[in-house]
């Protein structure tokens, strides 16, 4: 059975947001090297902040082991700080899913505002596969 990964409008909205980031990068490159440097520094800062927060969140999520909701593990300050980094960290989240860590379904859903399973929840592992297919189709299409 072939399943639609998400409604067209939601997918377009996410791709438009990502496209907006690409436009921002292109605009900065067209400006002076100082502007490009500032944007590059901002992106590097987001990347550095994600890498700083990740091990803190991994420790933090242990307190939510008893919960059956993966959303609970993102309620702490480090989880919320990761989510607050926004669309710029989506490639990092996808990398984590590729490693098999389905906990990253949650920030993807919260950042993109997409129900990847279109209300047809099977499992976190199945949702992780849907996110990977979504990402791969967006990169290739």
N, C-alpha and C. Protein backbone atom coordinates (compact mmCIF):
# COMPACT_ATOMS: atom_id res chain seq x y z
N UNK A 1 0.84 -1.18 0.00
CA UNK A 1 0.00 0.00 0.00
C UNK A 1 0.89 1.24 0.00
N UNK A 2 0.67 2.13 -0.92
CA UNK A 2 1.40 3.39 -0.98
C UNK A 2 0.64 4.41 -0.18
N UNK A 3 1.34 5.08 0.72
CA UNK A 3 0.68 6.04 1.60
C UNK A 3 1.20 7.43 1.30
N UNK A 4 0.29 8.37 1.22
CA UNK A 4 0.67 9.77 1.05
C UNK A 4 1.38 10.20 2.32
N UNK A 5 2.60 10.73 2.20
CA UNK A 5 3.37 11.08 3.38
C UNK A 5 2.79 12.24 4.16
N UNK A 6 2.18 13.18 3.50
CA UNK A 6 1.55 14.30 4.18
C UNK A 6 0.71 15.06 3.17
N UNK A 7 -0.24 15.82 3.66
CA UNK A 7 -1.01 16.63 2.72
C UNK A 7 -0.07 17.55 1.94
N UNK A 8 -0.40 17.74 0.69
CA UNK A 8 0.43 18.58 -0.19
C UNK A 8 0.71 19.95 0.38
N UNK A 9 -0.30 20.55 0.97
CA UNK A 9 -0.14 21.91 1.46
C UNK A 9 0.86 21.97 2.60
N UNK A 10 0.84 20.97 3.50
CA UNK A 10 1.77 20.95 4.62
C UNK A 10 3.20 20.75 4.12
N UNK A 11 3.36 19.87 3.17
CA UNK A 11 4.69 19.62 2.61
C UNK A 11 5.23 20.87 1.93
N UNK A 12 4.37 21.54 1.18
CA UNK A 12 4.79 22.76 0.50
C UNK A 12 5.18 23.84 1.51
N UNK A 13 4.44 23.92 2.62
CA UNK A 13 4.74 24.92 3.63
C UNK A 13 6.12 24.68 4.24
N UNK A 14 6.42 23.43 4.53
CA UNK A 14 7.73 23.11 5.11
C UNK A 14 8.83 23.37 4.09
N UNK A 15 8.61 22.94 2.87
CA UNK A 15 9.63 23.16 1.83
C UNK A 15 9.81 24.65 1.56
N UNK A 16 8.73 25.41 1.65
CA UNK A 16 8.85 26.86 1.47
C UNK A 16 9.68 27.48 2.60
N UNK A 17 9.48 26.99 3.82
CA UNK A 17 10.27 27.50 4.95
C UNK A 17 11.75 27.17 4.75
N UNK A 18 12.02 25.95 4.33
CA UNK A 18 13.41 25.57 4.06
C UNK A 18 13.96 26.37 2.89
N UNK A 19 13.13 26.59 1.88
CA UNK A 19 13.55 27.39 0.74
C UNK A 19 13.83 28.82 1.15
N UNK A 20 13.06 29.32 2.11
CA UNK A 20 13.31 30.66 2.62
C UNK A 20 14.68 30.77 3.27
N UNK A 21 15.07 29.71 3.96
CA UNK A 21 16.41 29.70 4.55
C UNK A 21 17.46 29.72 3.46
N UNK A 22 17.24 28.96 2.38
CA UNK A 22 18.20 28.94 1.27
C UNK A 22 18.28 30.31 0.62
N UNK A 23 17.15 30.99 0.49
CA UNK A 23 17.14 32.34 -0.08
C UNK A 23 17.92 33.29 0.80
N UNK A 24 17.76 33.13 2.10
CA UNK A 24 18.50 33.97 3.03
C UNK A 24 20.00 33.78 2.86
N UNK A 25 20.43 32.55 2.69
CA UNK A 25 21.85 32.26 2.49
C UNK A 25 22.32 32.88 1.17
N UNK A 26 21.53 32.71 0.11
CA UNK A 26 21.91 33.24 -1.20
C UNK A 26 21.99 34.77 -1.16
N UNK A 27 21.04 35.39 -0.48
CA UNK A 27 21.05 36.85 -0.36
C UNK A 27 22.29 37.33 0.38
N UNK A 28 22.61 36.62 1.44
CA UNK A 28 23.80 37.00 2.22
C UNK A 28 25.07 36.85 1.39
N UNK A 29 25.13 35.83 0.57
CA UNK A 29 26.30 35.64 -0.28
C UNK A 29 26.42 36.75 -1.32
N UNK A 30 25.28 37.25 -1.76
CA UNK A 30 25.30 38.31 -2.76
C UNK A 30 25.73 39.65 -2.15
N UNK A 31 25.62 39.75 -0.84
CA UNK A 31 26.04 40.98 -0.16
C UNK A 31 27.56 40.94 0.05
N UNK A 32 28.03 41.88 0.78
CA UNK A 32 29.46 41.95 1.06
C UNK A 32 29.92 40.71 1.80
N UNK A 33 31.21 40.47 1.77
CA UNK A 33 31.74 39.31 2.48
C UNK A 33 31.47 39.40 3.97
N UNK A 34 31.35 40.61 4.50
CA UNK A 34 31.01 40.78 5.92
C UNK A 34 29.64 40.22 6.23
N UNK A 35 28.67 40.46 5.34
CA UNK A 35 27.32 39.92 5.53
C UNK A 35 27.31 38.41 5.46
N UNK A 36 28.06 37.87 4.53
CA UNK A 36 28.16 36.42 4.40
C UNK A 36 28.80 35.83 5.64
N UNK A 37 29.81 36.50 6.12
CA UNK A 37 30.51 36.03 7.32
C UNK A 37 29.56 36.02 8.51
N UNK A 38 28.75 37.07 8.66
CA UNK A 38 27.81 37.14 9.78
C UNK A 38 26.79 36.01 9.71
N UNK A 39 26.24 35.74 8.53
CA UNK A 39 25.28 34.66 8.39
C UNK A 39 25.94 33.32 8.68
N UNK A 40 27.12 33.13 8.15
CA UNK A 40 27.85 31.89 8.39
C UNK A 40 28.11 31.70 9.88
N UNK A 41 28.43 32.79 10.57
CA UNK A 41 28.66 32.72 12.01
C UNK A 41 27.38 32.37 12.75
N UNK A 42 26.24 32.94 12.30
CA UNK A 42 24.96 32.62 12.94
C UNK A 42 24.62 31.15 12.76
N UNK A 43 24.80 30.63 11.54
CA UNK A 43 24.51 29.21 11.29
C UNK A 43 25.45 28.32 12.10
N UNK A 44 26.70 28.72 12.20
CA UNK A 44 27.66 27.95 12.99
C UNK A 44 27.28 28.00 14.47
N UNK A 45 26.78 29.14 14.92
CA UNK A 45 26.34 29.26 16.31
C UNK A 45 25.17 28.32 16.59
N UNK A 46 24.22 28.24 15.68
CA UNK A 46 23.09 27.32 15.84
C UNK A 46 23.60 25.89 15.88
N UNK A 47 24.51 25.55 14.98
CA UNK A 47 25.09 24.21 14.93
C UNK A 47 25.81 23.89 16.24
N UNK A 48 26.63 24.83 16.71
CA UNK A 48 27.36 24.64 17.97
C UNK A 48 26.41 24.49 19.14
N UNK A 49 25.35 25.28 19.15
CA UNK A 49 24.38 25.21 20.24
C UNK A 49 23.66 23.87 20.24
N UNK A 50 23.30 23.38 19.08
CA UNK A 50 22.66 22.06 18.98
C UNK A 50 23.60 20.99 19.55
N UNK A 51 24.84 21.02 19.15
CA UNK A 51 25.82 20.02 19.63
C UNK A 51 26.07 20.14 21.12
N UNK A 52 25.99 21.34 21.65
CA UNK A 52 26.14 21.53 23.10
C UNK A 52 24.93 20.98 23.85
N UNK A 53 23.75 21.23 23.31
CA UNK A 53 22.51 20.83 23.98
C UNK A 53 22.21 19.34 23.88
N UNK A 54 22.64 18.70 22.81
CA UNK A 54 22.26 17.31 22.58
C UNK A 54 22.63 16.38 23.75
N UNK A 55 23.87 16.36 24.22
CA UNK A 55 24.17 15.46 25.34
C UNK A 55 23.43 15.85 26.63
N UNK A 56 23.17 17.15 26.80
CA UNK A 56 22.41 17.59 27.97
C UNK A 56 20.98 17.06 27.90
N UNK A 57 20.39 17.12 26.70
CA UNK A 57 19.03 16.60 26.53
C UNK A 57 19.02 15.08 26.71
N UNK A 58 20.03 14.39 26.19
CA UNK A 58 20.08 12.93 26.33
C UNK A 58 20.10 12.52 27.80
N UNK A 59 20.78 13.28 28.61
CA UNK A 59 20.78 13.03 30.05
C UNK A 59 19.43 13.41 30.65
N UNK A 60 18.90 14.54 30.23
CA UNK A 60 17.63 15.05 30.74
C UNK A 60 16.47 14.09 30.46
N UNK A 61 16.47 13.48 29.29
CA UNK A 61 15.33 12.62 28.92
C UNK A 61 15.22 11.37 29.77
N UNK A 62 16.27 11.01 30.48
CA UNK A 62 16.24 9.83 31.35
C UNK A 62 15.17 9.96 32.42
N UNK A 63 14.88 11.18 32.84
CA UNK A 63 13.87 11.38 33.87
C UNK A 63 12.46 11.08 33.36
N UNK A 64 12.30 10.94 32.05
CA UNK A 64 10.98 10.67 31.47
C UNK A 64 10.84 9.22 31.00
N UNK A 65 11.75 8.34 31.44
CA UNK A 65 11.73 6.93 31.00
C UNK A 65 10.41 6.24 31.26
N UNK A 66 9.76 6.61 32.33
CA UNK A 66 8.51 5.93 32.70
C UNK A 66 7.32 6.35 31.83
N UNK A 67 7.46 7.44 31.13
CA UNK A 67 6.35 7.94 30.31
C UNK A 67 6.24 7.15 29.02
N UNK A 68 5.03 6.94 28.57
CA UNK A 68 4.82 6.26 27.30
C UNK A 68 4.78 7.25 26.13
N UNK A 69 4.87 8.54 26.42
CA UNK A 69 4.83 9.57 25.38
C UNK A 69 6.23 10.08 25.08
N UNK A 70 6.62 10.00 23.81
CA UNK A 70 7.92 10.54 23.42
C UNK A 70 7.94 12.06 23.55
N UNK A 71 6.79 12.69 23.52
CA UNK A 71 6.72 14.14 23.68
C UNK A 71 7.20 14.57 25.07
N UNK A 72 6.95 13.73 26.07
CA UNK A 72 7.35 14.09 27.43
C UNK A 72 8.86 14.30 27.53
N UNK A 73 9.64 13.51 26.80
CA UNK A 73 11.09 13.62 26.91
C UNK A 73 11.63 14.94 26.38
N UNK A 74 10.79 15.72 25.70
CA UNK A 74 11.19 17.02 25.15
C UNK A 74 10.67 18.19 25.97
N UNK A 75 10.06 17.92 27.12
CA UNK A 75 9.46 18.98 27.93
C UNK A 75 10.46 19.73 28.80
N UNK A 76 11.63 19.17 29.03
CA UNK A 76 12.63 19.81 29.87
C UNK A 76 13.28 21.00 29.18
N UNK A 77 14.07 21.76 29.91
CA UNK A 77 14.67 22.97 29.34
C UNK A 77 15.62 22.71 28.17
N UNK A 78 16.37 21.61 28.21
CA UNK A 78 17.29 21.34 27.11
C UNK A 78 16.55 20.87 25.87
N UNK A 79 15.51 20.08 26.05
CA UNK A 79 14.69 19.66 24.92
C UNK A 79 14.00 20.85 24.28
N UNK A 80 13.46 21.73 25.11
CA UNK A 80 12.80 22.93 24.60
C UNK A 80 13.79 23.85 23.89
N UNK A 81 15.01 23.91 24.40
CA UNK A 81 16.03 24.75 23.77
C UNK A 81 16.42 24.20 22.39
N UNK A 82 16.48 22.88 22.27
CA UNK A 82 16.78 22.28 20.96
C UNK A 82 15.67 22.61 19.97
N UNK A 83 14.44 22.43 20.38
CA UNK A 83 13.29 22.73 19.51
C UNK A 83 13.29 24.20 19.11
N UNK A 84 13.65 25.08 20.04
CA UNK A 84 13.66 26.52 19.77
C UNK A 84 14.69 26.91 18.71
N UNK A 85 15.66 26.04 18.44
CA UNK A 85 16.64 26.34 17.39
C UNK A 85 15.99 26.37 16.01
N UNK A 86 14.84 25.73 15.86
CA UNK A 86 14.04 25.83 14.65
C UNK A 86 14.53 25.05 13.45
N UNK A 87 14.05 25.44 12.26
CA UNK A 87 14.30 24.68 11.02
C UNK A 87 15.78 24.47 10.67
N UNK A 88 16.64 25.31 11.16
CA UNK A 88 18.07 25.17 10.83
C UNK A 88 18.65 23.85 11.33
N UNK A 89 18.00 23.22 12.32
CA UNK A 89 18.55 21.97 12.84
C UNK A 89 17.90 20.72 12.24
N UNK A 90 16.98 20.90 11.31
CA UNK A 90 16.32 19.73 10.70
C UNK A 90 17.34 18.73 10.15
N UNK A 91 18.39 19.14 9.45
CA UNK A 91 19.37 18.13 8.99
C UNK A 91 19.99 17.33 10.13
N UNK A 92 20.22 17.97 11.28
CA UNK A 92 20.74 17.24 12.44
C UNK A 92 19.73 16.20 12.93
N UNK A 93 18.47 16.59 12.98
CA UNK A 93 17.43 15.69 13.45
C UNK A 93 17.29 14.49 12.51
N UNK A 94 17.38 14.74 11.23
CA UNK A 94 17.31 13.65 10.25
C UNK A 94 18.49 12.69 10.45
N UNK A 95 19.68 13.24 10.70
CA UNK A 95 20.85 12.38 10.95
C UNK A 95 20.61 11.48 12.15
N UNK A 96 19.99 12.02 13.18
CA UNK A 96 19.71 11.21 14.37
C UNK A 96 18.72 10.09 14.04
N UNK A 97 17.71 10.40 13.22
CA UNK A 97 16.77 9.36 12.81
C UNK A 97 17.48 8.28 12.01
N UNK A 98 18.40 8.66 11.15
CA UNK A 98 19.15 7.67 10.36
C UNK A 98 19.97 6.73 11.26
N UNK A 99 20.35 7.23 12.42
CA UNK A 99 21.08 6.41 13.38
C UNK A 99 20.14 5.46 14.14
N UNK A 100 18.84 5.66 13.96
CA UNK A 100 17.86 4.80 14.62
C UNK A 100 17.25 5.40 15.88
N UNK A 101 17.48 6.66 16.14
CA UNK A 101 16.94 7.29 17.34
C UNK A 101 15.60 7.97 17.02
N UNK A 102 14.51 7.22 17.18
CA UNK A 102 13.19 7.72 16.79
C UNK A 102 12.66 8.81 17.72
N UNK A 103 13.36 9.14 18.80
CA UNK A 103 12.93 10.21 19.68
C UNK A 103 12.91 11.55 18.95
N UNK A 104 13.65 11.64 17.84
CA UNK A 104 13.74 12.89 17.11
C UNK A 104 12.54 13.14 16.20
N UNK A 105 11.58 12.22 16.20
CA UNK A 105 10.30 12.48 15.52
C UNK A 105 9.62 13.71 16.12
N UNK A 106 9.73 13.83 17.43
CA UNK A 106 9.02 14.90 18.15
C UNK A 106 9.48 16.29 17.72
N UNK A 107 10.78 16.61 17.81
CA UNK A 107 11.14 17.97 17.40
C UNK A 107 10.87 18.22 15.92
N UNK A 108 10.97 17.19 15.09
CA UNK A 108 10.63 17.38 13.67
C UNK A 108 9.17 17.79 13.53
N UNK A 109 8.29 17.10 14.24
CA UNK A 109 6.87 17.43 14.17
C UNK A 109 6.59 18.82 14.73
N UNK A 110 7.24 19.17 15.84
CA UNK A 110 6.99 20.47 16.47
C UNK A 110 7.56 21.62 15.64
N UNK A 111 8.71 21.42 15.04
CA UNK A 111 9.33 22.48 14.25
C UNK A 111 8.60 22.66 12.92
N UNK A 112 8.26 21.56 12.26
CA UNK A 112 7.63 21.66 10.93
C UNK A 112 6.12 21.83 10.99
N UNK A 113 5.52 21.49 12.13
CA UNK A 113 4.05 21.53 12.29
C UNK A 113 3.37 20.54 11.32
N UNK A 114 4.05 19.41 11.06
CA UNK A 114 3.54 18.40 10.13
C UNK A 114 3.20 17.13 10.89
N UNK A 115 2.01 16.56 10.60
CA UNK A 115 1.66 15.23 11.09
C UNK A 115 2.10 14.25 10.01
N UNK A 116 3.29 13.73 10.17
CA UNK A 116 3.92 12.92 9.12
C UNK A 116 3.10 11.68 8.76
N UNK A 117 2.33 11.15 9.72
CA UNK A 117 1.55 9.94 9.47
C UNK A 117 0.11 10.26 9.09
N UNK A 118 -0.21 11.53 8.90
CA UNK A 118 -1.57 11.94 8.54
C UNK A 118 -2.62 11.33 9.47
N UNK A 119 -2.32 11.33 10.76
CA UNK A 119 -3.27 10.80 11.74
C UNK A 119 -3.31 9.29 11.81
N UNK A 120 -2.51 8.60 11.03
CA UNK A 120 -2.52 7.14 10.97
C UNK A 120 -1.28 6.59 11.70
N UNK A 121 -1.22 6.83 13.00
CA UNK A 121 -0.06 6.45 13.79
C UNK A 121 0.06 4.93 13.90
N UNK A 122 1.25 4.42 13.58
CA UNK A 122 1.53 2.99 13.77
C UNK A 122 2.52 2.79 14.90
N UNK A 123 3.67 3.47 14.80
CA UNK A 123 4.71 3.38 15.82
C UNK A 123 5.71 4.51 15.60
N UNK A 124 6.53 4.74 16.59
CA UNK A 124 7.57 5.76 16.45
C UNK A 124 8.57 5.35 15.37
N UNK A 125 8.87 4.06 15.29
CA UNK A 125 9.79 3.59 14.26
C UNK A 125 9.21 3.82 12.87
N UNK A 126 7.93 3.56 12.70
CA UNK A 126 7.28 3.79 11.40
C UNK A 126 7.27 5.28 11.07
N UNK A 127 7.03 6.13 12.07
CA UNK A 127 7.06 7.57 11.83
C UNK A 127 8.45 8.03 11.44
N UNK A 128 9.47 7.46 12.07
CA UNK A 128 10.85 7.81 11.72
C UNK A 128 11.11 7.48 10.25
N UNK A 129 10.64 6.35 9.79
CA UNK A 129 10.80 5.99 8.38
C UNK A 129 10.08 6.98 7.47
N UNK A 130 8.90 7.42 7.89
CA UNK A 130 8.16 8.40 7.09
C UNK A 130 8.92 9.73 7.03
N UNK A 131 9.53 10.15 8.13
CA UNK A 131 10.32 11.38 8.12
C UNK A 131 11.51 11.25 7.17
N UNK A 132 12.16 10.10 7.19
CA UNK A 132 13.31 9.90 6.30
C UNK A 132 12.87 9.92 4.84
N UNK A 133 11.75 9.29 4.55
CA UNK A 133 11.24 9.32 3.17
C UNK A 133 10.87 10.75 2.78
N UNK A 134 10.24 11.48 3.70
CA UNK A 134 9.88 12.87 3.45
C UNK A 134 11.13 13.69 3.13
N UNK A 135 12.15 13.55 3.96
CA UNK A 135 13.39 14.31 3.75
C UNK A 135 14.04 13.94 2.43
N UNK A 136 14.16 12.64 2.17
CA UNK A 136 14.81 12.18 0.94
C UNK A 136 14.03 12.64 -0.30
N UNK A 137 12.71 12.61 -0.24
CA UNK A 137 11.93 13.04 -1.40
C UNK A 137 12.05 14.55 -1.59
N UNK A 138 12.17 15.30 -0.52
CA UNK A 138 12.32 16.75 -0.62
C UNK A 138 13.67 17.13 -1.17
N UNK A 139 14.68 16.37 -0.83
CA UNK A 139 16.02 16.67 -1.32
C UNK A 139 16.18 16.30 -2.79
N UNK A 140 15.46 15.27 -3.21
CA UNK A 140 15.59 14.80 -4.58
C UNK A 140 14.54 15.40 -5.50
N UNK A 141 13.55 16.05 -4.96
CA UNK A 141 12.47 16.54 -5.80
C UNK A 141 12.37 17.97 -5.73
